[in-house]
C-alpha atoms as a PDB file:
ATOM      1  CA  MET A   1      -0.003   0.081  -0.019  1.00  0.00           C
ATOM      2  CA  LEU A   2       1.369   3.379  -0.967  1.00  0.00           C
ATOM      3  CA  LYS A   3       2.130   5.653   1.891  1.00  0.00           C
ATOM      4  CA  SER A   4      -0.477   8.346   2.302  1.00  0.00           C
ATOM      5  CA  GLU A   5       2.212  10.836   3.242  1.00  0.00           C
ATOM      6  CA  TYR A   6       3.537  10.572  -0.208  1.00  0.00           C
ATOM      7  CA  THR A   7       0.219  11.259  -1.997  1.00  0.00           C
ATOM      8  CA  ASN A   8      -1.186  13.818   0.288  1.00  0.00           C
ATOM      9  CA  HIS A   9      -1.911  17.051  -1.410  1.00  0.00           C
ATOM     10  CA  VAL A  10      -1.078  15.678  -4.774  1.00  0.00           C
ATOM     11  CA  SER A  11      -3.527  15.657  -7.707  1.00  0.00           C
ATOM     12  CA  PHE A  12      -2.565  13.339 -10.656  1.00  0.00           C
ATOM     13  CA  GLN A  13      -3.307  14.485 -14.281  1.00  0.00           C
ATOM     14  CA  ASN A  14      -3.849  11.001 -15.527  1.00  0.00           C
ATOM     15  CA  LEU A  15      -2.994   7.234 -15.036  1.00  0.00           C
ATOM     16  CA  PHE A  16       0.452   7.706 -16.539  1.00  0.00           C
ATOM     17  CA  HIS A  17       1.412  10.233 -13.787  1.00  0.00           C
ATOM     18  CA  VAL A  18       0.074   7.896 -11.167  1.00  0.00           C
ATOM     19  CA  LYS A  19       2.149   5.047 -12.389  1.00  0.00           C
ATOM     20  CA  LEU A  20       5.143   7.377 -12.742  1.00  0.00           C
ATOM     21  CA  LYS A  21       4.930   8.558  -9.117  1.00  0.00           C
ATOM     22  CA  VAL A  22       4.239   5.040  -7.674  1.00  0.00           C
ATOM     23  CA  ALA A  23       7.415   3.757  -9.476  1.00  0.00           C
ATOM     24  CA  GLU A  24       9.300   6.630  -8.147  1.00  0.00           C
ATOM     25  CA  TYR A  25       8.233   6.042  -4.677  1.00  0.00           C
ATOM     26  CA  ILE A  26       9.197   2.349  -4.778  1.00  0.00           C
ATOM     27  CA  GLU A  27      12.478   2.830  -6.495  1.00  0.00           C
ATOM     28  CA  ILE A  28      13.689   6.035  -4.759  1.00  0.00           C
ATOM     29  CA  TRP A  29      12.174   5.800  -1.317  1.00  0.00           C
ATOM     30  CA  TYR A  30      10.894   2.516  -0.416  1.00  0.00           C
ATOM     31  CA  ASN A  31      13.496   0.194  -1.776  1.00  0.00           C
ATOM     32  CA  ARG A  32      16.463   2.367  -0.694  1.00  0.00           C
ATOM     33  CA  LYS A  33      15.413   3.048   2.953  1.00  0.00           C
ATOM     34  CA  ARG A  34      13.651  -0.104   4.078  1.00  0.00           C
ATOM     35  CA  PRO A  35      15.791  -2.916   5.850  1.00  0.00           C
ATOM     36  CA  HIS A  36      16.491  -5.881   3.732  1.00  0.00           C
ATOM     37  CA  SER A  37      17.027  -9.355   5.355  1.00  0.00           C
ATOM     38  CA  LYS A  38      19.875 -10.235   2.897  1.00  0.00           C
ATOM     39  CA  LEU A  39      21.773  -7.131   3.981  1.00  0.00           C
ATOM     40  CA  GLY A  40      21.603  -7.937   7.688  1.00  0.00           C
ATOM     41  CA  TYR A  41      18.419  -5.958   8.151  1.00  0.00           C
ATOM     42  CA  VAL A  42      19.941  -2.681   7.186  1.00  0.00           C
ATOM     43  CA  SER A  43      18.952  -0.373   4.382  1.00  0.00           C
ATOM     44  CA  PRO A  44      20.674  -0.620   1.042  1.00  0.00           C
ATOM     45  CA  ASN A  45      22.036   2.900   1.484  1.00  0.00           C
ATOM     46  CA  PHE A  46      23.519   2.080   4.875  1.00  0.00           C
ATOM     47  CA  TYR A  47      24.883  -1.245   3.680  1.00  0.00           C
ATOM     48  CA  TYR A  48      26.699   0.120   0.634  1.00  0.00           C
ATOM     49  CA  ASN A  49      28.001   3.182   2.522  1.00  0.00           C
ATOM     50  CA  TYR A  50      29.237   1.002   5.244  1.00  0.00           C
ATOM     51  CA  LYS A  51      30.911  -1.316   2.755  1.00  0.00           C
ATOM     52  CA  LYS A  52      32.611   1.693   0.989  1.00  0.00           C
ATOM     53  CA  VAL A  53      34.135   2.973   4.295  1.00  0.00           C
ATOM     54  CA  LYS A  54      35.173  -0.521   5.355  1.00  0.00           C
ATOM     55  CA  VAL A  55      36.965  -1.202   1.963  1.00  0.00           C
ATOM     56  CA  ALA A  56      38.601   2.266   1.717  1.00  0.00           C
END
C-alpha cells in the first residue's frame, strides 16, 4: 500500500502520472530506505556506504 504521506496534497493528471509517481516512490524511497534481510536488516544505502568505508 502506498504511503498516504507521499500522495497527500497531490492531484494526478492521468493514469500515466500515477504510475510514474508510484514507481518513483518504490525505487527511490521504499527500496532504498527499508531494511533488507539479505543485507543484515539494514537499508541498502547504509549497507553500501558501510561497505565503502570498510574497504577504503
